[in-house]
Amino acid sequence: MNEASTGKSTVKIAGFGGQGVVLASIILGRAALLDGKYSTQTASYGSESRGGECKSEVVISRDKIDYPLVDKVQTLVVMSQPALSKYIDDLLPGGTLIVDPDMVQSIPDRENVKIVNVPASKAAENLGRTIVANIVMLGAFQKQTQIVSEKSLREAIREHVPPKTMDLNMKAFEEGMKLIRE
């Protein structure tokens, strides 16, 4: 089931604490609202704030969302090997796996999903701050899935990142979009 057939998209973003996983999901959910859609966002993370396991889920729908939790997702965005190993089975057949190959050493063999490699950490490092890898991933996510509009995602980023980092975050978003081949 994809967004076109159901009107609903399910996304899980996962990595480790300190990568901005929760912020990315908040921005994604806000972009959906700016597009006139409904969205819910949930997050969980280990007891350690940095370095521990972290995941966040976003449900986006044209209709009201009656249940905000998901067992299986259409899109899985992973930024660490432990996250991929733990959540790969949550990805529905026909879904999309967006993965940072610099942070993941081994991708399980799943012929029934589309795998999109996005070197977000390397792109963020080239921009001078690895902390914006999450925004690079959002740019790639938008270009790959079109679940939310570029305009709304840009606006949501503006609303949620510190003003002093605005230019850097916008560059990171644009780099992410460039990483997806037309």
N, C-alpha and C. Protein backbone atom coordinates (compact mmCIF):
# COMPACT_ATOMS: atom_id res chain seq x y z
N MET A 1 0.84 -1.18 0.00
CA MET A 1 0.00 0.00 0.00
C MET A 1 0.88 1.24 0.00
N ASN A 2 0.62 2.13 -0.92
CA ASN A 2 1.38 3.36 -0.92
C ASN A 2 0.46 4.55 -0.67
N GLU A 3 1.06 5.72 -0.52
CA GLU A 3 0.31 6.92 -0.21
C GLU A 3 -0.74 7.21 -1.26
N ALA A 4 -0.43 6.98 -2.51
CA ALA A 4 -1.38 7.27 -3.58
C ALA A 4 -2.65 6.45 -3.45
N SER A 5 -2.54 5.20 -3.01
CA SER A 5 -3.71 4.34 -2.93
C SER A 5 -4.49 4.51 -1.62
N THR A 6 -3.82 4.90 -0.54
CA THR A 6 -4.50 4.99 0.75
C THR A 6 -4.69 6.41 1.24
N GLY A 7 -3.92 7.35 0.72
CA GLY A 7 -3.99 8.71 1.23
C GLY A 7 -3.21 8.87 2.53
N LYS A 8 -2.52 7.81 2.95
CA LYS A 8 -1.77 7.83 4.20
C LYS A 8 -0.35 7.35 3.98
N SER A 9 0.60 8.04 4.59
CA SER A 9 2.01 7.66 4.52
C SER A 9 2.52 7.40 5.92
N THR A 10 3.34 6.37 6.05
CA THR A 10 3.96 6.06 7.33
C THR A 10 5.48 6.08 7.16
N VAL A 11 6.13 6.78 8.07
CA VAL A 11 7.57 6.98 7.98
C VAL A 11 8.21 6.72 9.34
N LYS A 12 9.32 5.99 9.34
CA LYS A 12 10.10 5.82 10.56
C LYS A 12 11.49 6.37 10.26
N ILE A 13 11.98 7.23 11.15
CA ILE A 13 13.34 7.76 11.07
C ILE A 13 14.07 7.22 12.29
N ALA A 14 15.23 6.61 12.08
CA ALA A 14 15.92 5.98 13.20
C ALA A 14 17.42 6.18 13.09
N GLY A 15 18.05 6.23 14.25
CA GLY A 15 19.49 6.38 14.35
C GLY A 15 19.88 6.32 15.80
N PHE A 16 20.83 7.16 16.18
CA PHE A 16 21.20 7.22 17.59
C PHE A 16 21.05 8.66 18.08
N GLY A 17 20.91 8.79 19.39
CA GLY A 17 20.72 10.11 19.99
C GLY A 17 21.83 11.06 19.58
N GLY A 18 21.46 12.29 19.28
CA GLY A 18 22.42 13.29 18.87
C GLY A 18 22.44 13.52 17.36
N GLN A 19 21.75 12.66 16.61
CA GLN A 19 21.70 12.81 15.15
C GLN A 19 20.53 13.68 14.69
N GLY A 20 19.67 14.08 15.59
CA GLY A 20 18.55 14.91 15.20
C GLY A 20 17.38 14.15 14.61
N VAL A 21 17.24 12.88 15.00
CA VAL A 21 16.16 12.03 14.49
C VAL A 21 14.80 12.62 14.86
N VAL A 22 14.62 13.00 16.12
CA VAL A 22 13.34 13.52 16.57
C VAL A 22 13.06 14.87 15.91
N LEU A 23 14.05 15.73 15.83
CA LEU A 23 13.86 17.01 15.17
C LEU A 23 13.44 16.81 13.72
N ALA A 24 14.06 15.88 13.02
CA ALA A 24 13.70 15.62 11.62
C ALA A 24 12.24 15.20 11.51
N SER A 25 11.78 14.38 12.44
CA SER A 25 10.39 13.93 12.37
C SER A 25 9.42 15.05 12.72
N ILE A 26 9.80 15.91 13.64
CA ILE A 26 8.96 17.06 13.98
C ILE A 26 8.84 17.98 12.76
N ILE A 27 9.95 18.23 12.10
CA ILE A 27 9.95 19.07 10.89
C ILE A 27 9.09 18.43 9.81
N LEU A 28 9.22 17.13 9.63
CA LEU A 28 8.43 16.43 8.61
C LEU A 28 6.94 16.53 8.92
N GLY A 29 6.56 16.29 10.16
CA GLY A 29 5.16 16.41 10.55
C GLY A 29 4.61 17.80 10.35
N ARG A 30 5.41 18.80 10.68
CA ARG A 30 4.99 20.20 10.49
C ARG A 30 4.82 20.51 9.01
N ALA A 31 5.71 20.02 8.17
CA ALA A 31 5.60 20.25 6.73
C ALA A 31 4.29 19.67 6.20
N ALA A 32 3.91 18.51 6.70
CA ALA A 32 2.63 17.92 6.28
C ALA A 32 1.47 18.83 6.65
N LEU A 33 1.49 19.39 7.85
CA LEU A 33 0.44 20.32 8.26
C LEU A 33 0.41 21.55 7.36
N LEU A 34 1.58 22.06 7.02
CA LEU A 34 1.65 23.22 6.12
C LEU A 34 1.10 22.89 4.74
N ASP A 35 1.17 21.62 4.35
CA ASP A 35 0.60 21.17 3.08
C ASP A 35 -0.90 20.92 3.17
N GLY A 36 -1.48 21.14 4.35
CA GLY A 36 -2.91 20.94 4.53
C GLY A 36 -3.29 19.50 4.83
N LYS A 37 -2.31 18.70 5.24
CA LYS A 37 -2.56 17.30 5.60
C LYS A 37 -2.61 17.17 7.12
N TYR A 38 -2.97 16.02 7.58
CA TYR A 38 -2.93 15.69 8.99
C TYR A 38 -1.63 14.95 9.25
N SER A 39 -1.09 15.10 10.48
CA SER A 39 0.10 14.32 10.81
C SER A 39 0.16 14.06 12.31
N THR A 40 0.80 12.95 12.65
CA THR A 40 1.11 12.63 14.04
C THR A 40 2.58 12.25 14.08
N GLN A 41 3.18 12.45 15.24
CA GLN A 41 4.59 12.13 15.39
C GLN A 41 4.78 11.53 16.77
N THR A 42 5.48 10.40 16.84
CA THR A 42 5.84 9.80 18.11
C THR A 42 7.33 9.51 18.09
N ALA A 43 7.93 9.47 19.28
CA ALA A 43 9.37 9.22 19.35
C ALA A 43 9.69 8.38 20.58
N SER A 44 10.78 7.65 20.49
CA SER A 44 11.30 6.95 21.66
C SER A 44 12.81 6.88 21.53
N TYR A 45 13.47 6.90 22.67
CA TYR A 45 14.92 6.85 22.67
C TYR A 45 15.39 6.20 23.95
N GLY A 46 16.61 5.68 23.89
CA GLY A 46 17.19 5.01 25.05
C GLY A 46 17.46 5.99 26.18
N SER A 47 17.90 5.47 27.30
CA SER A 47 18.12 6.31 28.47
C SER A 47 19.24 7.32 28.27
N GLU A 48 20.15 7.03 27.35
CA GLU A 48 21.21 7.98 27.06
C GLU A 48 20.69 8.95 26.00
N SER A 49 20.92 10.24 26.19
CA SER A 49 20.40 11.18 25.20
C SER A 49 21.29 11.21 23.96
N ARG A 50 22.57 11.03 24.12
CA ARG A 50 23.46 11.00 22.96
C ARG A 50 24.10 9.62 22.86
N GLY A 51 24.01 9.05 21.68
CA GLY A 51 24.61 7.75 21.45
C GLY A 51 23.68 6.59 21.64
N GLY A 52 22.59 6.76 22.37
CA GLY A 52 21.62 5.69 22.56
C GLY A 52 20.70 5.58 21.36
N GLU A 53 19.97 4.51 21.34
CA GLU A 53 19.03 4.24 20.24
C GLU A 53 17.92 5.31 20.22
N CYS A 54 17.52 5.69 19.02
CA CYS A 54 16.49 6.71 18.87
C CYS A 54 15.67 6.42 17.62
N LYS A 55 14.35 6.53 17.74
CA LYS A 55 13.49 6.37 16.57
C LYS A 55 12.30 7.31 16.70
N SER A 56 11.76 7.65 15.58
CA SER A 56 10.59 8.50 15.56
C SER A 56 9.73 8.08 14.38
N GLU A 57 8.43 8.13 14.58
CA GLU A 57 7.51 7.75 13.51
C GLU A 57 6.58 8.90 13.20
N VAL A 58 6.28 9.05 11.92
CA VAL A 58 5.37 10.09 11.47
C VAL A 58 4.31 9.43 10.59
N VAL A 59 3.07 9.77 10.86
CA VAL A 59 1.95 9.35 10.02
C VAL A 59 1.41 10.61 9.37
N ILE A 60 1.28 10.58 8.06
CA ILE A 60 0.79 11.72 7.28
C ILE A 60 -0.40 11.24 6.48
N SER A 61 -1.49 12.00 6.53
CA SER A 61 -2.70 11.57 5.86
C SER A 61 -3.52 12.74 5.34
N ARG A 62 -4.24 12.49 4.26
CA ARG A 62 -5.20 13.49 3.76
C ARG A 62 -6.43 13.52 4.65
N ASP A 63 -6.68 12.44 5.37
CA ASP A 63 -7.83 12.33 6.26
C ASP A 63 -7.37 12.33 7.71
N LYS A 64 -8.31 12.55 8.63
CA LYS A 64 -7.97 12.52 10.05
C LYS A 64 -7.35 11.17 10.39
N ILE A 65 -6.41 11.21 11.30
CA ILE A 65 -5.68 10.01 11.71
C ILE A 65 -6.33 9.48 12.98
N ASP A 66 -6.87 8.27 12.90
CA ASP A 66 -7.56 7.71 14.05
C ASP A 66 -6.64 6.96 15.01
N TYR A 67 -5.46 6.56 14.54
CA TYR A 67 -4.52 5.83 15.38
C TYR A 67 -3.10 6.25 15.00
N PRO A 68 -2.37 6.86 15.92
CA PRO A 68 -1.07 7.45 15.56
C PRO A 68 0.11 6.50 15.51
N LEU A 69 -0.06 5.28 16.00
CA LEU A 69 1.07 4.35 16.05
C LEU A 69 1.08 3.44 14.83
N VAL A 70 2.27 2.99 14.46
CA VAL A 70 2.39 2.11 13.31
C VAL A 70 3.26 0.91 13.65
N ASP A 71 2.88 -0.23 13.08
CA ASP A 71 3.70 -1.43 13.21
C ASP A 71 4.65 -1.53 12.03
N LYS A 72 4.12 -1.25 10.85
CA LYS A 72 4.89 -1.33 9.61
C LYS A 72 4.88 0.04 8.93
N VAL A 73 5.95 0.36 8.23
CA VAL A 73 6.06 1.66 7.57
C VAL A 73 6.34 1.52 6.09
N GLN A 74 5.95 2.55 5.35
CA GLN A 74 6.21 2.58 3.91
C GLN A 74 7.60 3.13 3.61
N THR A 75 8.09 4.00 4.48
CA THR A 75 9.42 4.58 4.29
C THR A 75 10.21 4.46 5.59
N LEU A 76 11.42 3.94 5.48
CA LEU A 76 12.32 3.82 6.63
C LEU A 76 13.57 4.61 6.31
N VAL A 77 13.87 5.58 7.15
CA VAL A 77 15.08 6.40 7.01
C VAL A 77 16.00 6.01 8.15
N VAL A 78 17.19 5.47 7.83
CA VAL A 78 18.09 5.02 8.88
C VAL A 78 19.45 5.70 8.79
N MET A 79 19.96 6.04 9.98
CA MET A 79 21.22 6.75 10.07
C MET A 79 22.25 6.02 10.93
N SER A 80 22.01 4.74 11.22
CA SER A 80 22.99 3.93 11.96
C SER A 80 22.73 2.45 11.70
N GLN A 81 23.79 1.66 11.86
CA GLN A 81 23.66 0.21 11.68
C GLN A 81 22.70 -0.41 12.69
N PRO A 82 22.81 -0.07 13.99
CA PRO A 82 21.86 -0.68 14.94
C PRO A 82 20.40 -0.36 14.58
N ALA A 83 20.14 0.84 14.10
CA ALA A 83 18.77 1.21 13.72
C ALA A 83 18.30 0.37 12.54
N LEU A 84 19.16 0.19 11.56
CA LEU A 84 18.79 -0.61 10.40
C LEU A 84 18.52 -2.05 10.82
N SER A 85 19.42 -2.61 11.60
CA SER A 85 19.26 -3.99 12.05
C SER A 85 17.97 -4.19 12.83
N LYS A 86 17.62 -3.22 13.66
CA LYS A 86 16.44 -3.34 14.51
C LYS A 86 15.13 -3.11 13.76
N TYR A 87 15.13 -2.18 12.79
CA TYR A 87 13.86 -1.76 12.20
C TYR A 87 13.62 -2.18 10.75
N ILE A 88 14.56 -2.87 10.13
CA ILE A 88 14.39 -3.25 8.73
C ILE A 88 13.13 -4.10 8.52
N ASP A 89 12.77 -4.92 9.49
CA ASP A 89 11.58 -5.75 9.33
C ASP A 89 10.28 -4.96 9.47
N ASP A 90 10.37 -3.70 9.90
CA ASP A 90 9.19 -2.83 9.98
C ASP A 90 8.83 -2.24 8.62
N LEU A 91 9.72 -2.39 7.65
CA LEU A 91 9.50 -1.82 6.32
C LEU A 91 8.63 -2.75 5.49
N LEU A 92 7.53 -2.21 5.01
CA LEU A 92 6.59 -2.98 4.20
C LEU A 92 7.19 -3.38 2.85
N PRO A 93 6.79 -4.53 2.30
CA PRO A 93 7.19 -4.86 0.93
C PRO A 93 6.73 -3.74 -0.01
N GLY A 94 7.60 -3.37 -0.93
CA GLY A 94 7.30 -2.26 -1.84
C GLY A 94 7.67 -0.91 -1.26
N GLY A 95 8.16 -0.90 -0.02
CA GLY A 95 8.53 0.34 0.65
C GLY A 95 9.88 0.87 0.18
N THR A 96 10.26 1.98 0.79
CA THR A 96 11.53 2.64 0.45
C THR A 96 12.42 2.72 1.68
N LEU A 97 13.65 2.27 1.53
CA LEU A 97 14.67 2.36 2.56
C LEU A 97 15.64 3.45 2.14
N ILE A 98 15.73 4.51 2.94
CA ILE A 98 16.69 5.58 2.70
C ILE A 98 17.76 5.43 3.76
N VAL A 99 18.98 5.18 3.33
CA VAL A 99 20.04 4.80 4.25
C VAL A 99 21.32 5.58 3.98
N ASP A 100 22.02 5.93 5.07
CA ASP A 100 23.31 6.60 4.97
C ASP A 100 24.39 5.52 4.90
N PRO A 101 24.99 5.30 3.73
CA PRO A 101 25.95 4.20 3.59
C PRO A 101 27.23 4.40 4.40
N ASP A 102 27.50 5.62 4.84
CA ASP A 102 28.68 5.86 5.66
C ASP A 102 28.46 5.48 7.12
N MET A 103 27.19 5.32 7.49
CA MET A 103 26.87 4.97 8.88
C MET A 103 26.38 3.53 9.00
N VAL A 104 26.18 2.87 7.86
CA VAL A 104 25.65 1.51 7.84
C VAL A 104 26.62 0.63 7.06
N GLN A 105 27.08 -0.43 7.68
CA GLN A 105 28.05 -1.30 7.04
C GLN A 105 27.40 -2.44 6.27
N SER A 106 26.22 -2.87 6.70
CA SER A 106 25.60 -4.05 6.10
C SER A 106 24.10 -3.84 5.94
N ILE A 107 23.65 -3.85 4.70
CA ILE A 107 22.22 -3.70 4.41
C ILE A 107 21.66 -5.10 4.16
N PRO A 108 20.66 -5.50 4.93
CA PRO A 108 20.06 -6.82 4.70
C PRO A 108 19.50 -6.93 3.29
N ASP A 109 19.52 -8.12 2.77
CA ASP A 109 19.05 -8.36 1.42
C ASP A 109 17.52 -8.33 1.41
N ARG A 110 16.96 -7.26 0.88
CA ARG A 110 15.51 -7.13 0.75
C ARG A 110 15.21 -6.73 -0.68
N GLU A 111 14.93 -7.69 -1.52
CA GLU A 111 14.66 -7.41 -2.93
C GLU A 111 13.30 -6.76 -3.14
N ASN A 112 12.44 -6.82 -2.12
CA ASN A 112 11.10 -6.29 -2.26
C ASN A 112 10.95 -4.84 -1.79
N VAL A 113 12.08 -4.14 -1.59
CA VAL A 113 12.05 -2.73 -1.23
C VAL A 113 13.02 -1.94 -2.11
N LYS A 114 12.75 -0.67 -2.23
CA LYS A 114 13.66 0.21 -2.97
C LYS A 114 14.68 0.75 -1.98
N ILE A 115 15.96 0.57 -2.29
CA ILE A 115 17.03 1.05 -1.40
C ILE A 115 17.65 2.29 -2.03
N VAL A 116 17.66 3.37 -1.25
CA VAL A 116 18.21 4.64 -1.72
C VAL A 116 19.36 5.02 -0.79
N ASN A 117 20.57 5.02 -1.33
CA ASN A 117 21.75 5.41 -0.54
C ASN A 117 21.91 6.92 -0.56
N VAL A 118 21.98 7.51 0.63
CA VAL A 118 22.14 8.95 0.77
C VAL A 118 23.30 9.20 1.73
N PRO A 119 24.47 9.58 1.20
CA PRO A 119 25.62 9.82 2.08
C PRO A 119 25.46 11.14 2.85
N ALA A 120 24.50 11.16 3.75
CA ALA A 120 24.14 12.38 4.48
C ALA A 120 25.26 12.85 5.40
N SER A 121 25.90 11.92 6.08
CA SER A 121 26.96 12.32 7.02
C SER A 121 28.13 12.96 6.28
N LYS A 122 28.49 12.37 5.15
CA LYS A 122 29.58 12.93 4.34
C LYS A 122 29.19 14.31 3.80
N ALA A 123 27.97 14.45 3.32
CA ALA A 123 27.51 15.75 2.81
C ALA A 123 27.52 16.79 3.91
N ALA A 124 27.06 16.40 5.10
CA ALA A 124 27.04 17.33 6.23
C ALA A 124 28.46 17.71 6.65
N GLU A 125 29.34 16.73 6.64
CA GLU A 125 30.75 17.00 6.97
C GLU A 125 31.36 17.98 5.97
N ASN A 126 31.02 17.81 4.69
CA ASN A 126 31.52 18.73 3.66
C ASN A 126 30.99 20.15 3.85
N LEU A 127 29.84 20.26 4.50
CA LEU A 127 29.28 21.58 4.81
C LEU A 127 29.89 22.17 6.08
N GLY A 128 30.66 21.34 6.80
CA GLY A 128 31.34 21.83 7.99
C GLY A 128 30.71 21.44 9.31
N ARG A 129 29.55 20.78 9.29
CA ARG A 129 28.88 20.40 10.55
C ARG A 129 28.12 19.09 10.36
N THR A 130 28.62 18.01 10.93
CA THR A 130 27.95 16.72 10.78
C THR A 130 26.56 16.71 11.41
N ILE A 131 26.29 17.66 12.29
CA ILE A 131 25.00 17.72 12.99
C ILE A 131 23.83 17.95 12.03
N VAL A 132 24.09 18.44 10.81
CA VAL A 132 22.99 18.69 9.86
C VAL A 132 22.72 17.50 8.94
N ALA A 133 23.27 16.35 9.24
CA ALA A 133 23.00 15.15 8.42
C ALA A 133 21.50 14.84 8.41
N ASN A 134 20.80 15.13 9.51
CA ASN A 134 19.36 14.88 9.54
C ASN A 134 18.62 15.74 8.51
N ILE A 135 19.07 16.95 8.31
CA ILE A 135 18.43 17.85 7.34
C ILE A 135 18.80 17.43 5.92
N VAL A 136 20.01 16.93 5.73
CA VAL A 136 20.38 16.35 4.43
C VAL A 136 19.42 15.21 4.11
N MET A 137 19.17 14.35 5.09
CA MET A 137 18.25 13.23 4.90
C MET A 137 16.84 13.72 4.56
N LEU A 138 16.40 14.80 5.20
CA LEU A 138 15.07 15.34 4.88
C LEU A 138 15.00 15.82 3.44
N GLY A 139 16.07 16.45 2.96
CA GLY A 139 16.09 16.89 1.57
C GLY A 139 15.99 15.71 0.62
N ALA A 140 16.74 14.66 0.92
CA ALA A 140 16.70 13.44 0.09
C ALA A 140 15.33 12.79 0.17
N PHE A 141 14.77 12.73 1.38
CA PHE A 141 13.45 12.15 1.59
C PHE A 141 12.42 12.88 0.74
N GLN A 142 12.44 14.20 0.78
CA GLN A 142 11.46 14.98 0.02
C GLN A 142 11.58 14.71 -1.47
N LYS A 143 12.79 14.76 -1.97
CA LYS A 143 13.01 14.56 -3.41
C LYS A 143 12.61 13.15 -3.83
N GLN A 144 12.89 12.17 -2.99
CA GLN A 144 12.60 10.77 -3.32
C GLN A 144 11.11 10.45 -3.24
N THR A 145 10.44 10.94 -2.20
CA THR A 145 9.06 10.49 -1.95
C THR A 145 7.99 11.48 -2.36
N GLN A 146 8.28 12.76 -2.31
CA GLN A 146 7.30 13.82 -2.61
C GLN A 146 6.08 13.74 -1.68
N ILE A 147 6.22 13.14 -0.52
CA ILE A 147 5.10 13.02 0.43
C ILE A 147 4.69 14.39 0.95
N VAL A 148 5.68 15.26 1.16
CA VAL A 148 5.41 16.66 1.50
C VAL A 148 6.08 17.53 0.45
N SER A 149 5.61 18.74 0.32
CA SER A 149 6.17 19.64 -0.70
C SER A 149 7.51 20.22 -0.24
N GLU A 150 8.32 20.55 -1.21
CA GLU A 150 9.60 21.20 -0.92
C GLU A 150 9.36 22.52 -0.18
N LYS A 151 8.39 23.28 -0.64
CA LYS A 151 8.09 24.59 -0.04
C LYS A 151 7.74 24.44 1.44
N SER A 152 6.87 23.50 1.76
CA SER A 152 6.46 23.30 3.16
C SER A 152 7.60 22.77 4.02
N LEU A 153 8.42 21.92 3.46
CA LEU A 153 9.55 21.40 4.22
C LEU A 153 10.56 22.51 4.51
N ARG A 154 10.79 23.37 3.55
CA ARG A 154 11.67 24.52 3.79
C ARG A 154 11.12 25.40 4.91
N GLU A 155 9.81 25.67 4.87
CA GLU A 155 9.19 26.51 5.89
C GLU A 155 9.27 25.85 7.26
N ALA A 156 9.04 24.55 7.33
CA ALA A 156 9.11 23.84 8.60
C ALA A 156 10.54 23.87 9.16
N ILE A 157 11.53 23.76 8.30
CA ILE A 157 12.92 23.88 8.75
C ILE A 157 13.14 25.27 9.33
N ARG A 158 12.68 26.28 8.63
CA ARG A 158 12.83 27.67 9.13
C ARG A 158 12.21 27.83 10.52
N GLU A 159 11.09 27.17 10.75
CA GLU A 159 10.39 27.29 12.03
C GLU A 159 11.10 26.56 13.17
N HIS A 160 11.91 25.55 12.86
CA HIS A 160 12.43 24.69 13.93
C HIS A 160 13.94 24.69 14.14
N VAL A 161 14.69 25.35 13.30
CA VAL A 161 16.14 25.40 13.56
C VAL A 161 16.51 26.79 14.08
N PRO A 162 17.57 26.88 14.86
CA PRO A 162 17.99 28.18 15.38
C PRO A 162 18.33 29.14 14.23
N PRO A 163 17.95 30.40 14.36
CA PRO A 163 18.21 31.37 13.30
C PRO A 163 19.68 31.45 12.88
N LYS A 164 20.59 31.28 13.83
CA LYS A 164 22.01 31.39 13.49
C LYS A 164 22.50 30.22 12.62
N THR A 165 21.72 29.14 12.56
CA THR A 165 22.10 27.99 11.73
C THR A 165 21.23 27.86 10.48
N MET A 166 20.41 28.86 10.22
CA MET A 166 19.45 28.78 9.12
C MET A 166 20.13 28.53 7.77
N ASP A 167 21.15 29.32 7.45
CA ASP A 167 21.82 29.15 6.15
C ASP A 167 22.42 27.76 6.01
N LEU A 168 23.07 27.28 7.06
CA LEU A 168 23.67 25.95 7.04
C LEU A 168 22.60 24.88 6.82
N ASN A 169 21.49 24.98 7.54
CA ASN A 169 20.43 23.99 7.41
C ASN A 169 19.79 24.02 6.03
N MET A 170 19.63 25.19 5.46
CA MET A 170 19.07 25.27 4.10
C MET A 170 20.03 24.68 3.07
N LYS A 171 21.32 24.90 3.27
CA LYS A 171 22.32 24.28 2.38
C LYS A 171 22.27 22.76 2.52
N ALA A 172 22.11 22.28 3.76
CA ALA A 172 22.03 20.84 4.00
C ALA A 172 20.80 20.25 3.30
N PHE A 173 19.67 20.95 3.39
CA PHE A 173 18.45 20.49 2.74
C PHE A 173 18.66 20.40 1.23
N GLU A 174 19.26 21.42 0.65
CA GLU A 174 19.52 21.43 -0.80
C GLU A 174 20.49 20.32 -1.20
N GLU A 175 21.50 20.07 -0.37
CA GLU A 175 22.45 18.98 -0.65
C GLU A 175 21.73 17.64 -0.68
N GLY A 176 20.82 17.45 0.26
CA GLY A 176 20.05 16.21 0.30
C GLY A 176 19.23 16.01 -0.96
N MET A 177 18.61 17.07 -1.44
CA MET A 177 17.83 16.96 -2.68
C MET A 177 18.74 16.64 -3.86
N LYS A 178 19.92 17.21 -3.88
CA LYS A 178 20.87 16.96 -4.97
C LYS A 178 21.36 15.52 -5.00
N LEU A 179 21.38 14.88 -3.83
CA LEU A 179 21.87 13.50 -3.73
C LEU A 179 20.93 12.49 -4.37
N ILE A 180 19.71 12.91 -4.63
CA ILE A 180 18.74 12.01 -5.30
C ILE A 180 18.82 12.30 -6.78
N ARG A 181 19.14 11.29 -7.53
CA ARG A 181 19.26 11.43 -8.98
C ARG A 181 17.89 11.58 -9.60
N GLU A 182 17.82 12.45 -10.59
CA GLU A 182 16.55 12.67 -11.30
C GLU A 182 16.16 11.44 -12.09
